[in-house]
Amino acid sequence: ASLGITDKLLYNWKAKFDAEQSGSSLNSDERAELLRLRKENKELRMEKEILKKASALLLKETK
């Protein structure tokens, strides 16, 4: 109590810790990596689509 920590705050910290330990929750590093990987995946999908269209166009021009 002298530190300004309430019972509810301790309960929330414990619940978060338990979730991270059980693997059902992501910690901040894992969350940041997941966001980075999702962004990279989106960019790669767009690049793949552009390459598909470019190759189809080149194929059409060579015929």
N, C-alpha and C. Protein backbone atom coordinates (compact mmCIF):
# COMPACT_ATOMS: atom_id res chain seq x y z
N ALA A 1 0.84 -1.20 0.00
CA ALA A 1 0.00 0.00 0.00
C ALA A 1 0.88 1.25 0.00
N SER A 2 2.01 1.20 0.69
CA SER A 2 2.87 2.39 0.76
C SER A 2 3.48 2.72 -0.61
N LEU A 3 3.53 1.75 -1.50
CA LEU A 3 4.08 1.96 -2.85
C LEU A 3 3.00 2.40 -3.84
N GLY A 4 1.76 2.43 -3.40
CA GLY A 4 0.67 2.83 -4.28
C GLY A 4 0.21 1.71 -5.19
N ILE A 5 0.48 0.46 -4.80
CA ILE A 5 0.08 -0.69 -5.60
C ILE A 5 -1.19 -1.29 -5.00
N THR A 6 -2.24 -1.32 -5.78
CA THR A 6 -3.52 -1.84 -5.29
C THR A 6 -3.60 -3.35 -5.52
N ASP A 7 -4.56 -3.96 -4.86
CA ASP A 7 -4.80 -5.40 -5.04
C ASP A 7 -5.14 -5.71 -6.49
N LYS A 8 -5.93 -4.83 -7.08
CA LYS A 8 -6.35 -5.05 -8.48
C LYS A 8 -5.14 -5.01 -9.42
N LEU A 9 -4.22 -4.07 -9.19
CA LEU A 9 -3.03 -3.96 -10.02
C LEU A 9 -2.17 -5.23 -9.90
N LEU A 10 -2.00 -5.71 -8.67
CA LEU A 10 -1.25 -6.95 -8.47
C LEU A 10 -1.92 -8.12 -9.18
N TYR A 11 -3.24 -8.19 -9.09
CA TYR A 11 -3.98 -9.26 -9.75
C TYR A 11 -3.77 -9.20 -11.26
N ASN A 12 -3.82 -7.98 -11.83
CA ASN A 12 -3.63 -7.82 -13.28
C ASN A 12 -2.22 -8.24 -13.69
N TRP A 13 -1.22 -7.85 -12.90
CA TRP A 13 0.17 -8.24 -13.20
C TRP A 13 0.32 -9.75 -13.18
N LYS A 14 -0.28 -10.38 -12.17
CA LYS A 14 -0.18 -11.84 -12.05
C LYS A 14 -0.88 -12.53 -13.21
N ALA A 15 -2.05 -12.04 -13.59
CA ALA A 15 -2.80 -12.63 -14.71
C ALA A 15 -2.00 -12.50 -16.00
N LYS A 16 -1.39 -11.35 -16.22
CA LYS A 16 -0.57 -11.14 -17.42
C LYS A 16 0.64 -12.07 -17.41
N PHE A 17 1.29 -12.19 -16.27
CA PHE A 17 2.45 -13.06 -16.15
C PHE A 17 2.06 -14.52 -16.41
N ASP A 18 0.95 -14.96 -15.81
CA ASP A 18 0.49 -16.33 -16.02
C ASP A 18 0.17 -16.60 -17.48
N ALA A 19 -0.45 -15.63 -18.16
CA ALA A 19 -0.79 -15.80 -19.58
C ALA A 19 0.48 -15.91 -20.42
N GLU A 20 1.49 -15.10 -20.11
CA GLU A 20 2.74 -15.17 -20.86
C GLU A 20 3.45 -16.50 -20.62
N GLN A 21 3.40 -16.98 -19.40
CA GLN A 21 4.07 -18.24 -19.08
C GLN A 21 3.38 -19.42 -19.73
N SER A 22 2.07 -19.36 -19.86
CA SER A 22 1.34 -20.48 -20.45
C SER A 22 1.41 -20.46 -21.98
N GLY A 23 1.90 -19.35 -22.53
CA GLY A 23 2.02 -19.26 -23.99
C GLY A 23 0.77 -18.77 -24.67
N SER A 24 -0.26 -18.43 -23.92
CA SER A 24 -1.50 -17.97 -24.54
C SER A 24 -1.47 -16.47 -24.84
N SER A 25 -0.43 -15.79 -24.41
CA SER A 25 -0.31 -14.36 -24.64
C SER A 25 1.07 -14.05 -25.19
N LEU A 26 1.18 -12.98 -25.97
CA LEU A 26 2.46 -12.58 -26.53
C LEU A 26 3.06 -11.48 -25.68
N ASN A 27 4.38 -11.55 -25.47
CA ASN A 27 5.03 -10.44 -24.79
C ASN A 27 5.30 -9.34 -25.80
N SER A 28 5.82 -8.22 -25.36
CA SER A 28 5.96 -7.07 -26.25
C SER A 28 6.94 -7.33 -27.40
N ASP A 29 8.01 -8.09 -27.16
CA ASP A 29 8.95 -8.41 -28.23
C ASP A 29 8.30 -9.29 -29.30
N GLU A 30 7.54 -10.28 -28.84
CA GLU A 30 6.86 -11.17 -29.79
C GLU A 30 5.79 -10.41 -30.58
N ARG A 31 5.10 -9.50 -29.91
CA ARG A 31 4.07 -8.71 -30.58
C ARG A 31 4.70 -7.81 -31.65
N ALA A 32 5.84 -7.20 -31.32
CA ALA A 32 6.52 -6.33 -32.28
C ALA A 32 7.02 -7.14 -33.48
N GLU A 33 7.56 -8.33 -33.21
CA GLU A 33 8.03 -9.18 -34.30
C GLU A 33 6.87 -9.62 -35.19
N LEU A 34 5.75 -9.96 -34.57
CA LEU A 34 4.57 -10.37 -35.34
C LEU A 34 4.10 -9.25 -36.26
N LEU A 35 4.06 -8.03 -35.74
CA LEU A 35 3.65 -6.90 -36.58
C LEU A 35 4.63 -6.69 -37.73
N ARG A 36 5.93 -6.81 -37.45
CA ARG A 36 6.94 -6.65 -38.49
C ARG A 36 6.78 -7.72 -39.56
N LEU A 37 6.56 -8.96 -39.14
CA LEU A 37 6.41 -10.06 -40.09
C LEU A 37 5.14 -9.93 -40.92
N ARG A 38 4.07 -9.44 -40.31
CA ARG A 38 2.83 -9.23 -41.07
C ARG A 38 3.02 -8.16 -42.13
N LYS A 39 3.73 -7.09 -41.77
CA LYS A 39 4.00 -6.02 -42.72
C LYS A 39 4.87 -6.54 -43.87
N GLU A 40 5.90 -7.31 -43.53
CA GLU A 40 6.78 -7.88 -44.56
C GLU A 40 6.01 -8.83 -45.46
N ASN A 41 5.14 -9.63 -44.89
CA ASN A 41 4.33 -10.57 -45.65
C ASN A 41 3.43 -9.82 -46.64
N LYS A 42 2.83 -8.72 -46.19
CA LYS A 42 1.97 -7.93 -47.06
C LYS A 42 2.77 -7.36 -48.23
N GLU A 43 3.96 -6.84 -47.94
CA GLU A 43 4.80 -6.29 -49.00
C GLU A 43 5.21 -7.36 -50.01
N LEU A 44 5.57 -8.53 -49.51
CA LEU A 44 5.98 -9.61 -50.40
C LEU A 44 4.83 -10.08 -51.28
N ARG A 45 3.62 -10.11 -50.73
CA ARG A 45 2.46 -10.49 -51.54
C ARG A 45 2.21 -9.47 -52.65
N MET A 46 2.36 -8.18 -52.32
CA MET A 46 2.18 -7.14 -53.34
C MET A 46 3.25 -7.27 -54.42
N GLU A 47 4.50 -7.49 -54.01
CA GLU A 47 5.58 -7.64 -54.99
C GLU A 47 5.33 -8.85 -55.88
N LYS A 48 4.86 -9.93 -55.31
CA LYS A 48 4.57 -11.13 -56.08
C LYS A 48 3.48 -10.85 -57.11
N GLU A 49 2.46 -10.12 -56.70
CA GLU A 49 1.36 -9.80 -57.62
C GLU A 49 1.86 -8.91 -58.75
N ILE A 50 2.71 -7.94 -58.44
CA ILE A 50 3.28 -7.07 -59.47
C ILE A 50 4.12 -7.88 -60.45
N LEU A 51 4.94 -8.79 -59.94
CA LEU A 51 5.77 -9.62 -60.82
C LEU A 51 4.92 -10.52 -61.70
N LYS A 52 3.83 -11.03 -61.16
CA LYS A 52 2.92 -11.86 -61.96
C LYS A 52 2.36 -11.06 -63.12
N LYS A 53 1.90 -9.85 -62.83
CA LYS A 53 1.32 -9.02 -63.89
C LYS A 53 2.37 -8.61 -64.91
N ALA A 54 3.58 -8.31 -64.45
CA ALA A 54 4.65 -7.91 -65.36
C ALA A 54 5.04 -9.07 -66.27
N SER A 55 5.13 -10.26 -65.71
CA SER A 55 5.51 -11.41 -66.54
C SER A 55 4.42 -11.73 -67.55
N ALA A 56 3.16 -11.58 -67.17
CA ALA A 56 2.06 -11.81 -68.11
C ALA A 56 2.12 -10.77 -69.23
N LEU A 57 2.43 -9.54 -68.89
CA LEU A 57 2.53 -8.49 -69.89
C LEU A 57 3.69 -8.75 -70.84
N LEU A 58 4.82 -9.16 -70.31
CA LEU A 58 5.98 -9.46 -71.16
C LEU A 58 5.71 -10.65 -72.07
N LEU A 59 5.03 -11.64 -71.54
CA LEU A 59 4.68 -12.82 -72.33
C LEU A 59 3.76 -12.41 -73.48
N LYS A 60 2.82 -11.52 -73.18
CA LYS A 60 1.89 -11.06 -74.20
C LYS A 60 2.62 -10.28 -75.31
N GLU A 61 3.61 -9.49 -74.92
CA GLU A 61 4.36 -8.68 -75.90
C GLU A 61 5.26 -9.54 -76.79
N THR A 62 5.76 -10.65 -76.28
CA THR A 62 6.67 -11.49 -77.07
C THR A 62 5.92 -12.35 -78.08
N LYS A 63 4.63 -12.48 -77.94
CA LYS A 63 3.85 -13.31 -78.87
C LYS A 63 3.53 -12.59 -80.13
